[in-house]
Amino acid sequence: MATQVQNEKELAKAIQQDSIEIEITDPKTGKRVLRIKATGKIAWGVAFGALAIGVAALLIPSPDPATKGAVPLLGGGAAAAILGTATPVAIAIAVAAGGVGVLNKLRAYKVSTLPNGHVLLSKK
């Protein structure tokens, strides 16, 4: 039976636990995960690098609080150009997991849409 998740935090946890199957029950999150999965390898490499910058800036304490918000915007802007509306979900998944490595694990899953509209991720 698939692990059911509704949001990015639950999805990050399921991926980190190496769940064999993950069913995303929230349609909005499911559609955005489909978008992440549909990104080609080269574009994903560029988006991944941009996300890494943005997520690291969010996770690492900044000595100057005034600049903390600027760096994620730079990384997020480049990722948004590639991932579009999936960018906030990708960032939320990475932040929930404590780093962008979880996104590479996500890319290793096969994705399909179930008849009920849910998105199913399964290990290849």
C-alpha atoms as a PDB file:
ATOM      1  CA  MET A   1       0.000   0.000   0.000  1.00  0.00           C
ATOM      2  CA  ALA A   2       1.259   3.452  -0.914  1.00  0.00           C
ATOM      3  CA  THR A   3       2.193   6.054   1.676  1.00  0.00           C
ATOM      4  CA  GLN A   4      -0.382   8.845   1.332  1.00  0.00           C
ATOM      5  CA  VAL A   5       0.794  12.461   1.592  1.00  0.00           C
ATOM      6  CA  GLN A   6      -1.018  15.759   1.263  1.00  0.00           C
ATOM      7  CA  ASN A   7       1.708  18.400   1.353  1.00  0.00           C
ATOM      8  CA  GLU A   8       5.371  19.081   0.684  1.00  0.00           C
ATOM      9  CA  LYS A   9       6.492  18.330   4.245  1.00  0.00           C
ATOM     10  CA  GLU A  10       4.843  14.890   4.223  1.00  0.00           C
ATOM     11  CA  LEU A  11       6.232  14.216   0.740  1.00  0.00           C
ATOM     12  CA  ALA A  12       9.778  15.113   1.819  1.00  0.00           C
ATOM     13  CA  LYS A  13       9.476  12.758   4.807  1.00  0.00           C
ATOM     14  CA  ALA A  14       8.169   9.888   2.650  1.00  0.00           C
ATOM     15  CA  ILE A  15      11.012  10.363   0.147  1.00  0.00           C
ATOM     16  CA  GLN A  16      13.607  10.477   2.914  1.00  0.00           C
ATOM     17  CA  GLN A  17      12.175   7.238   4.317  1.00  0.00           C
ATOM     18  CA  ASP A  18      12.631   5.654   0.865  1.00  0.00           C
ATOM     19  CA  SER A  19       8.956   4.743   0.579  1.00  0.00           C
ATOM     20  CA  ILE A  20       8.400   2.358  -2.325  1.00  0.00           C
ATOM     21  CA  GLU A  21       5.151   4.076  -3.370  1.00  0.00           C
ATOM     22  CA  ILE A  22       3.900   7.540  -2.470  1.00  0.00           C
ATOM     23  CA  GLU A  23       0.400   8.740  -3.300  1.00  0.00           C
ATOM     24  CA  ILE A  24      -0.022  12.519  -3.410  1.00  0.00           C
ATOM     25  CA  THR A  25      -3.648  13.237  -2.553  1.00  0.00           C
ATOM     26  CA  ASP A  26      -3.571  17.031  -2.919  1.00  0.00           C
ATOM     27  CA  PRO A  27      -4.251  17.884  -6.600  1.00  0.00           C
ATOM     28  CA  LYS A  28      -2.261  21.125  -6.551  1.00  0.00           C
ATOM     29  CA  THR A  29       0.845  19.508  -5.052  1.00  0.00           C
ATOM     30  CA  GLY A  30       0.462  16.544  -7.409  1.00  0.00           C
ATOM     31  CA  LYS A  31       0.364  18.766 -10.505  1.00  0.00           C
ATOM     32  CA  ARG A  32       3.461  20.640  -9.380  1.00  0.00           C
ATOM     33  CA  VAL A  33       5.352  17.427  -8.688  1.00  0.00           C
ATOM     34  CA  LEU A  34       4.414  16.293 -12.221  1.00  0.00           C
ATOM     35  CA  ARG A  35       5.966  19.536 -13.476  1.00  0.00           C
ATOM     36  CA  ILE A  36       9.183  18.893 -11.528  1.00  0.00           C
ATOM     37  CA  LYS A  37       9.338  15.368 -12.927  1.00  0.00           C
ATOM     38  CA  ALA A  38       8.725  16.577 -16.499  1.00  0.00           C
ATOM     39  CA  THR A  39      11.777  18.845 -16.456  1.00  0.00           C
ATOM     40  CA  GLY A  40      14.501  17.576 -18.773  1.00  0.00           C
ATOM     41  CA  LYS A  41      17.934  16.558 -17.474  1.00  0.00           C
ATOM     42  CA  ILE A  42      19.820  19.656 -18.632  1.00  0.00           C
ATOM     43  CA  ALA A  43      17.130  22.064 -17.475  1.00  0.00           C
ATOM     44  CA  TRP A  44      16.920  20.145 -14.194  1.00  0.00           C
ATOM     45  CA  GLY A  45      20.661  20.617 -13.645  1.00  0.00           C
ATOM     46  CA  VAL A  46      20.296  24.378 -14.007  1.00  0.00           C
ATOM     47  CA  ALA A  47      17.165  24.499 -11.833  1.00  0.00           C
ATOM     48  CA  PHE A  48      18.788  22.255  -9.218  1.00  0.00           C
ATOM     49  CA  GLY A  49      21.785  24.586  -8.922  1.00  0.00           C
ATOM     50  CA  ALA A  50      19.534  27.608  -8.566  1.00  0.00           C
ATOM     51  CA  LEU A  51      17.383  25.844  -5.969  1.00  0.00           C
ATOM     52  CA  ALA A  52      20.487  24.806  -4.024  1.00  0.00           C
ATOM     53  CA  ILE A  53      21.522  28.443  -3.719  1.00  0.00           C
ATOM     54  CA  GLY A  54      18.083  29.557  -2.612  1.00  0.00           C
ATOM     55  CA  VAL A  55      17.509  26.718  -0.160  1.00  0.00           C
ATOM     56  CA  ALA A  56      20.979  27.048   1.354  1.00  0.00           C
ATOM     57  CA  ALA A  57      20.347  30.741   1.919  1.00  0.00           C
ATOM     58  CA  LEU A  58      17.123  29.888   3.737  1.00  0.00           C
ATOM     59  CA  LEU A  59      18.688  27.164   5.886  1.00  0.00           C
ATOM     60  CA  ILE A  60      22.010  28.809   6.778  1.00  0.00           C
ATOM     61  CA  PRO A  61      21.819  31.637   9.324  1.00  0.00           C
ATOM     62  CA  SER A  62      22.806  34.961   7.798  1.00  0.00           C
ATOM     63  CA  PRO A  63      25.055  37.370   9.703  1.00  0.00           C
ATOM     64  CA  ASP A  64      23.133  40.223   8.108  1.00  0.00           C
ATOM     65  CA  PRO A  65      19.366  39.734   8.428  1.00  0.00           C
ATOM     66  CA  ALA A  66      18.774  42.522   5.909  1.00  0.00           C
ATOM     67  CA  THR A  67      20.278  40.427   3.080  1.00  0.00           C
ATOM     68  CA  LYS A  68      18.800  37.043   4.038  1.00  0.00           C
ATOM     69  CA  GLY A  69      15.745  37.496   1.804  1.00  0.00           C
ATOM     70  CA  ALA A  70      17.698  38.586  -1.279  1.00  0.00           C
ATOM     71  CA  VAL A  71      19.759  35.455  -1.953  1.00  0.00           C
ATOM     72  CA  PRO A  72      16.824  32.999  -2.099  1.00  0.00           C
ATOM     73  CA  LEU A  73      15.156  35.340  -4.573  1.00  0.00           C
ATOM     74  CA  LEU A  74      18.165  35.104  -6.891  1.00  0.00           C
ATOM     75  CA  GLY A  75      18.196  31.304  -6.800  1.00  0.00           C
ATOM     76  CA  GLY A  76      14.418  31.071  -6.837  1.00  0.00           C
ATOM     77  CA  GLY A  77      14.172  33.379  -9.848  1.00  0.00           C
ATOM     78  CA  ALA A  78      16.392  31.175 -11.981  1.00  0.00           C
ATOM     79  CA  ALA A  79      14.551  28.056 -10.865  1.00  0.00           C
ATOM     80  CA  ALA A  80      11.189  29.716 -11.528  1.00  0.00           C
ATOM     81  CA  ALA A  81      12.221  30.392 -15.111  1.00  0.00           C
ATOM     82  CA  ILE A  82      12.609  26.628 -15.582  1.00  0.00           C
ATOM     83  CA  LEU A  83      10.117  25.030 -13.175  1.00  0.00           C
ATOM     84  CA  GLY A  84       7.421  27.716 -13.280  1.00  0.00           C
ATOM     85  CA  THR A  85       4.653  27.182 -10.727  1.00  0.00           C
ATOM     86  CA  ALA A  86       6.434  24.085  -9.382  1.00  0.00           C
ATOM     87  CA  THR A  87       9.232  26.202  -7.895  1.00  0.00           C
ATOM     88  CA  PRO A  88       7.519  26.897  -4.532  1.00  0.00           C
ATOM     89  CA  VAL A  89       6.786  23.174  -4.114  1.00  0.00           C
ATOM     90  CA  ALA A  90      10.393  22.234  -4.950  1.00  0.00           C
ATOM     91  CA  ILE A  91      11.684  24.787  -2.444  1.00  0.00           C
ATOM     92  CA  ALA A  92       9.196  23.660   0.230  1.00  0.00           C
ATOM     93  CA  ILE A  93      10.175  19.998  -0.252  1.00  0.00           C
ATOM     94  CA  ALA A  94      13.879  20.847  -0.022  1.00  0.00           C
ATOM     95  CA  VAL A  95      13.457  23.059   3.050  1.00  0.00           C
ATOM     96  CA  ALA A  96      11.302  20.415   4.783  1.00  0.00           C
ATOM     97  CA  ALA A  97      14.022  17.835   4.129  1.00  0.00           C
ATOM     98  CA  GLY A  98      16.864  20.146   5.136  1.00  0.00           C
ATOM     99  CA  GLY A  99      18.483  20.253   1.695  1.00  0.00           C
ATOM    100  CA  VAL A 100      18.076  19.787  -2.046  1.00  0.00           C
ATOM    101  CA  GLY A 101      19.301  16.179  -2.092  1.00  0.00           C
ATOM    102  CA  VAL A 102      15.708  15.068  -1.560  1.00  0.00           C
ATOM    103  CA  LEU A 103      14.826  16.540  -4.964  1.00  0.00           C
ATOM    104  CA  ASN A 104      17.307  14.228  -6.675  1.00  0.00           C
ATOM    105  CA  LYS A 105      15.695  11.317  -4.826  1.00  0.00           C
ATOM    106  CA  LEU A 106      12.303  12.558  -6.061  1.00  0.00           C
ATOM    107  CA  ARG A 107      13.569  12.497  -9.645  1.00  0.00           C
ATOM    108  CA  ALA A 108      14.384   8.783  -9.221  1.00  0.00           C
ATOM    109  CA  TYR A 109      10.689   7.931  -8.775  1.00  0.00           C
ATOM    110  CA  LYS A 110       8.413   6.944 -11.651  1.00  0.00           C
ATOM    111  CA  VAL A 111       5.295   9.119 -11.758  1.00  0.00           C
ATOM    112  CA  SER A 112       1.770   8.285 -12.865  1.00  0.00           C
ATOM    113  CA  THR A 113      -1.698   9.739 -12.473  1.00  0.00           C
ATOM    114  CA  LEU A 114      -4.339   7.565 -10.840  1.00  0.00           C
ATOM    115  CA  PRO A 115      -7.997   7.466 -11.978  1.00  0.00           C
ATOM    116  CA  ASN A 116      -9.002   9.413  -8.846  1.00  0.00           C
ATOM    117  CA  GLY A 117      -6.707  12.292  -9.869  1.00  0.00           C
ATOM    118  CA  HIS A 118      -4.026  11.509  -7.287  1.00  0.00           C
ATOM    119  CA  VAL A 119      -0.386  11.322  -8.345  1.00  0.00           C
ATOM    120  CA  LEU A 120       1.515   8.110  -7.615  1.00  0.00           C
ATOM    121  CA  LEU A 121       5.277   8.034  -7.239  1.00  0.00           C
ATOM    122  CA  SER A 122       6.894   4.605  -7.338  1.00  0.00           C
ATOM    123  CA  LYS A 123      10.481   3.434  -7.185  1.00  0.00           C
ATOM    124  CA  LYS A 124      11.836   2.450 -10.578  1.00  0.00           C
END
